[in-house]
Structures are given as structure tokens and as C-alpha cells.
Amino acid sequence: MTKSLPGIRTIVASVLVLGALAVVPAAAQGRARVGLIPFDVASVDGGTHQAATALAKLVRAQMITNRSMQPVLIELPAGEMLPLPEDRLAALAAEHKVDLIIAGTVLDATTTYGSNRVSTGSLGRVAGIGNVGGSMRKTRAEVRLHVEIVNPEGTTTHAFEVEGNNTDVGIGADLWTTLGGFDVGDAGWDKSPMGKALREAAEKLVNEVQKKRR
């Protein structure tokens, strides 16, 4: 007996729906959940808790665009910082259901610059500060990060370093040259040499994590 056209359409539609349901979980399972804990910034100038957390947020922002990884921010209790023992890292991985944890340390975050005295002239008057002297500064920021990829058992499986740098020239005070005022989304910080150097380092970090996972 030949099935009617409406009946065939119903069967085909059901098969398509079941196929879609089967594919979605598989795709979801392919995305690794990556735990990001505050960076160790104790050895650099301006190494505050705010800066440590902001660095993890910056890496998360870069990682969000990577479809194979799902970043998860992990807050640590007050006073707790890297390096953490393996059992503690394993407990964090289990608690937040992540496939791996990124433990980062800022090895270096420095700014060097040269300056020449100039007059702000009409620029100063437009800004409402009058005709005052300022400095033309060539500012170079350099950042170096040590990164460890930790498995759910708390063991380091990979370790590597990434660097970021940026040189800028501008008039005015040398602002945002340390990690102290670092905050993701702060327009001034994002455009500063140190902010740009950190973003470059974060991009390289995400790329390296992706390579190590293959």
C-alpha cells in the first residue's frame, strides 16, 4: 500500500527533528569548558586583586569568540592566590565542571618612555585647560605571561609563555602604565600602551591554548 503524500511529509519532518536533537548535544559536548582563575600578579608593579581578576576577564573576552571553548570565570576566596596545590585545583575543576583550568602568572609588565617638552597651544585651549606646557611622550609597554594548562585532576599538562607589546606617542601625563588601574571595558585603559599590550598577550594565550588542546 502506497503512503499518502501528507504521511510521507510527516515521517520526513520527524526524522529531521530527531536528527537535529541528536546533533545538538554532540556539538555542545565538543566545546571545552575552560576555567579562568585570577592571575598571579604579585611580582609586578600595581599587582592588585582588581588587576588579577581583570586579566582573567580579558582572556575570557578573547576566548568567547572561539567556538570550541566555553570560558568560565572562577572567583577565589579573599586571600587565596596562585600557586594553588593540585588538590585545590582539582576541587575547583569539579565544582565548576570545567575540562581544564588556565593558571596564569604575570612575569613582567613594564613601561618605558622618553619625552620632550612641548606647548599644548590651541589644543589646550580647545580642551578648556589654557595654553600650558606638556610632554610629547613615546611610551612602550611590554608584558610577559607564564601560562599553565591544568587538567581536572589538578595536574599541569602544558606550560608556555606569551608576550605582548605596544608603542604609542601622545601629549600629556603618562597614565595607565602599570597594572594598578586595569579594568576591562575602561576606554582609557583599553587605548593605553599597557592595555593594548595586555590584549595582544591575551590573544596569543587563547591561540596557544587552542593549539595545545588539539
Foldseek 3Di string as FASTA:
>chain_A
DDDDPVVVVVVVVVVVVVVVVVVVVVLVVQAFEEEEEFAAEPVFPQSDSQLRQQLSVLLQVLQVVPSRYHYDYDYDPPPDAPPDDQQVQLVSCVVVVGFKYKYKYWPDKAKDKDWDKDWCPVVCVVVVNPTDIWIWMWMKIKTKMKIFIAGSSSDTDDIDMFMFMDIDIDIHDQPLRTSNVDHPPDVVNCPHGSNRRSSVRSNVVSVVVVVVVD
